[in-house]
Amino acid sequence: MSWLGLSPLELVSALLSLWSVWLSMRRLLLAWPVTIVASLLYAEFFRELHLYSDLLLQIVFALCGVYGWLHWQSGIRQEGSVVVLRMRPREAWLSILAGIALTIALGTFMVHFTDATLPWLDAALTAFSLVGTFWEARQYIANWTLWIAVDLVYIVEYSWKHAYVTAILSAIFVVMAVFGLRDWRRVLAAQEETLG
């Protein structure tokens, strides 16, 4: 049964996802287990919408949640938050090329072997969401800039699929990513001042 025509599964997934991003903005380790649960719930929701790249993305998000959880544990400061890092240009370019390659591979598969709707857009968003998750797990400040761009496009995709709660969630994620970028910049500046 739905409330106002909205899926309860979508609502719960959205709320957990919001909490996860808020925890990540605060650089708190709890962000990762919450991400894992939200991702597994969203995987089922996207299966129902025939957004198979998004379904796969959520499964990978859950796996990345385990990686992020372990990686952040090694970078925790005494007060419980993680250190913010800059990414080397070479790693940024390699990540972007990997995103493009994954877009092509996943998009081709979805076009030829599934009934996926929006296969190329879904593939591109999935690929670059994976890049963003990798950057976040590695504590790179650039993850927030990529999330702003990806979530802006997600708003359009989810609106077109009438997944309005998730479209609104993506809009909220854009705002949160702007604040996350601001906060992580401030932390990075303080870290660099301490080292410099």
Protein backbone atom coordinates (compact mmCIF):
# COMPACT_ATOMS: atom_id res chain seq x y z
CA MET A 1 0.00 0.00 0.00
CA SER A 2 1.33 3.45 -0.83
CA TRP A 3 0.90 6.81 0.85
CA LEU A 4 -0.31 9.54 -1.56
CA GLY A 5 0.64 7.21 -4.42
CA LEU A 6 4.24 6.97 -3.23
CA SER A 7 6.09 3.73 -2.66
CA PRO A 8 6.90 3.05 1.01
CA LEU A 9 10.08 1.36 -0.20
CA GLU A 10 11.10 4.55 -2.03
CA LEU A 11 10.31 6.69 1.03
CA VAL A 12 12.35 4.56 3.45
CA SER A 13 15.23 4.29 0.96
CA ALA A 14 15.20 8.05 0.45
CA LEU A 15 15.23 8.82 4.17
CA LEU A 16 18.11 6.44 4.81
CA SER A 17 20.01 7.89 1.85
CA LEU A 18 19.54 11.41 3.22
CA TRP A 19 20.85 10.33 6.59
CA SER A 20 23.83 8.64 4.92
CA VAL A 21 24.83 11.79 3.01
CA TRP A 22 24.40 13.93 6.15
CA LEU A 23 26.70 11.54 8.04
CA SER A 24 29.22 11.69 5.18
CA MET A 25 29.14 15.50 5.22
CA ARG A 26 30.08 15.25 8.90
CA ARG A 27 32.85 12.75 7.98
CA LEU A 28 31.36 10.14 10.34
CA LEU A 29 32.00 6.42 9.93
CA LEU A 30 28.32 5.53 10.45
CA ALA A 31 27.70 6.91 6.93
CA TRP A 32 28.85 3.63 5.40
CA PRO A 33 26.60 1.07 7.16
CA VAL A 34 23.63 3.36 6.56
CA THR A 35 24.66 3.57 2.89
CA ILE A 36 24.71 -0.22 2.68
CA VAL A 37 21.15 -0.58 3.98
CA ALA A 38 19.78 2.29 1.86
CA SER A 39 21.46 0.89 -1.25
CA LEU A 40 20.00 -2.58 -0.82
CA LEU A 41 16.51 -1.15 -0.37
CA TYR A 42 16.90 1.14 -3.40
CA ALA A 43 18.12 -1.83 -5.48
CA GLU A 44 14.69 -3.43 -5.14
CA PHE A 45 12.94 -0.14 -5.92
CA PHE A 46 14.93 0.33 -9.13
CA ARG A 47 14.27 -3.28 -10.14
CA GLU A 48 10.57 -2.45 -10.02
CA LEU A 49 11.18 0.59 -12.29
CA HIS A 50 13.26 -1.40 -14.82
CA LEU A 51 16.22 0.92 -14.18
CA TYR A 52 18.67 -1.96 -14.19
CA SER A 53 21.83 0.11 -14.28
CA ASP A 54 20.57 1.88 -11.16
CA LEU A 55 19.81 -1.50 -9.59
CA LEU A 56 23.36 -2.66 -10.30
CA LEU A 57 24.67 0.65 -9.01
CA GLN A 58 22.90 0.16 -5.69
CA ILE A 59 24.41 -3.30 -5.31
CA VAL A 60 27.84 -1.87 -6.04
CA PHE A 61 27.12 1.00 -3.61
CA ALA A 62 26.48 -1.61 -0.93
CA LEU A 63 29.80 -3.30 -1.74
CA CYS A 64 31.56 0.08 -1.85
CA GLY A 65 29.98 0.77 1.52
CA VAL A 66 32.01 -2.09 2.93
CA TYR A 67 35.18 -0.73 1.27
CA GLY A 68 34.46 2.82 2.45
CA TRP A 69 33.74 1.62 5.96
CA LEU A 70 37.08 -0.19 6.14
CA HIS A 71 39.04 2.61 4.43
CA TRP A 72 37.60 5.37 6.61
CA GLN A 73 38.44 3.38 9.74
CA SER A 74 42.11 3.76 8.85
CA GLY A 75 41.77 7.55 8.41
CA ILE A 76 39.83 8.42 11.54
CA ARG A 77 41.09 11.23 13.72
CA GLN A 78 40.93 11.17 17.49
CA GLU A 79 37.63 13.07 17.62
CA GLY A 80 35.99 10.53 15.25
CA SER A 81 35.96 12.29 11.86
CA VAL A 82 38.07 11.38 8.83
CA VAL A 83 40.85 13.32 7.15
CA VAL A 84 40.04 15.09 3.84
CA LEU A 85 42.43 14.56 0.91
CA ARG A 86 43.19 16.11 -2.46
CA MET A 87 43.30 13.86 -5.50
CA ARG A 88 46.22 13.80 -7.89
CA PRO A 89 45.33 14.91 -11.45
CA ARG A 90 46.46 11.57 -12.90
CA GLU A 91 44.05 9.68 -10.65
CA ALA A 92 41.25 12.08 -11.56
CA TRP A 93 41.79 11.51 -15.29
CA LEU A 94 42.04 7.74 -14.89
CA SER A 95 38.80 7.75 -12.89
CA ILE A 96 37.02 9.82 -15.55
CA LEU A 97 38.26 7.52 -18.32
CA ALA A 98 37.07 4.52 -16.30
CA GLY A 99 33.65 6.20 -15.98
CA ILE A 100 33.46 6.71 -19.74
CA ALA A 101 34.51 3.12 -20.45
CA LEU A 102 31.95 1.77 -17.98
CA THR A 103 29.25 3.98 -19.53
CA ILE A 104 29.95 2.51 -22.96
CA ALA A 105 30.08 -1.09 -21.72
CA LEU A 106 27.02 -0.86 -19.50
CA GLY A 107 24.99 1.17 -22.00
CA THR A 108 25.73 -1.30 -24.79
CA PHE A 109 24.71 -4.22 -22.59
CA MET A 110 21.49 -2.53 -21.48
CA VAL A 111 20.50 -1.61 -25.05
CA HIS A 112 21.06 -5.10 -26.44
CA PHE A 113 20.10 -7.42 -23.59
CA THR A 114 17.46 -5.73 -21.41
CA ASP A 115 14.25 -3.75 -21.59
CA ALA A 116 15.90 -0.91 -19.65
CA THR A 117 14.43 2.53 -20.03
CA LEU A 118 16.91 5.36 -20.66
CA PRO A 119 19.77 2.83 -21.02
CA TRP A 120 22.52 5.31 -21.97
CA LEU A 121 21.63 7.98 -19.46
CA ASP A 122 21.17 5.38 -16.75
CA ALA A 123 24.52 3.79 -17.66
CA ALA A 124 26.36 7.13 -17.56
CA LEU A 125 24.84 8.11 -14.23
CA THR A 126 25.67 4.70 -12.83
CA ALA A 127 29.26 4.84 -14.04
CA PHE A 128 29.94 8.29 -12.66
CA SER A 129 28.12 7.55 -9.42
CA LEU A 130 30.61 4.73 -8.98
CA VAL A 131 33.46 7.15 -9.61
CA GLY A 132 31.96 9.53 -7.03
CA THR A 133 31.60 6.73 -4.50
CA PHE A 134 35.21 5.66 -5.06
CA TRP A 135 36.38 9.26 -4.58
CA GLU A 136 34.28 9.56 -1.42
CA ALA A 137 35.64 6.29 -0.02
CA ARG A 138 39.16 7.57 -0.70
CA GLN A 139 38.27 10.79 1.20
CA TYR A 140 38.82 13.00 -1.86
CA ILE A 141 37.19 16.41 -1.65
CA ALA A 142 36.41 16.25 -5.41
CA ASN A 143 33.66 13.71 -4.70
CA TRP A 144 31.30 16.56 -3.80
CA THR A 145 31.75 18.39 -7.11
CA LEU A 146 31.05 15.20 -9.05
CA TRP A 147 27.97 14.45 -6.91
CA ILE A 148 26.57 17.92 -7.64
CA ALA A 149 26.79 17.27 -11.38
CA VAL A 150 25.47 13.69 -11.22
CA ASP A 151 22.58 14.52 -8.91
CA LEU A 152 21.44 17.40 -11.12
CA VAL A 153 21.03 14.93 -13.98
CA TYR A 154 19.40 12.36 -11.68
CA ILE A 155 16.66 14.91 -10.93
CA VAL A 156 15.70 14.86 -14.61
CA GLU A 157 15.89 11.07 -14.95
CA TYR A 158 13.80 10.32 -11.86
CA SER A 159 11.23 12.98 -12.72
CA TRP A 160 10.81 11.42 -16.15
CA LYS A 161 10.29 8.01 -14.48
CA HIS A 162 7.74 9.54 -12.06
CA ALA A 163 9.96 8.63 -9.10
CA TYR A 164 9.24 12.01 -7.56
CA VAL A 165 10.45 11.26 -4.05
CA THR A 166 13.79 10.16 -5.47
CA ALA A 167 13.90 13.21 -7.76
CA ILE A 168 13.32 15.44 -4.74
CA LEU A 169 15.96 13.42 -2.87
CA SER A 170 18.42 14.11 -5.69
CA ALA A 171 17.65 17.84 -5.47
CA ILE A 172 18.28 17.71 -1.72
CA PHE A 173 21.52 15.83 -2.43
CA VAL A 174 22.65 18.70 -4.67
CA VAL A 175 22.17 21.14 -1.80
CA MET A 176 23.84 18.79 0.65
CA ALA A 177 26.77 18.29 -1.73
CA VAL A 178 27.25 22.04 -1.96
CA PHE A 179 27.41 22.20 1.84
CA GLY A 180 29.58 19.08 1.97
CA LEU A 181 32.03 20.68 -0.45
CA ARG A 182 32.10 23.87 1.61
CA ASP A 183 32.64 21.99 4.88
CA TRP A 184 35.30 19.66 3.47
CA ARG A 185 37.12 22.66 1.95
CA ARG A 186 37.22 24.30 5.36
CA VAL A 187 38.54 21.09 6.95
CA LEU A 188 41.15 20.64 4.20
CA ALA A 189 42.33 24.24 4.62
CA ALA A 190 42.69 23.72 8.38
CA GLN A 191 44.58 20.48 7.82
CA GLU A 192 46.95 22.11 5.33
CA GLU A 193 47.49 25.07 7.65
CA THR A 194 48.40 22.70 10.46
CA LEU A 195 50.88 20.85 8.23
CA GLY A 196 52.23 24.01 6.58
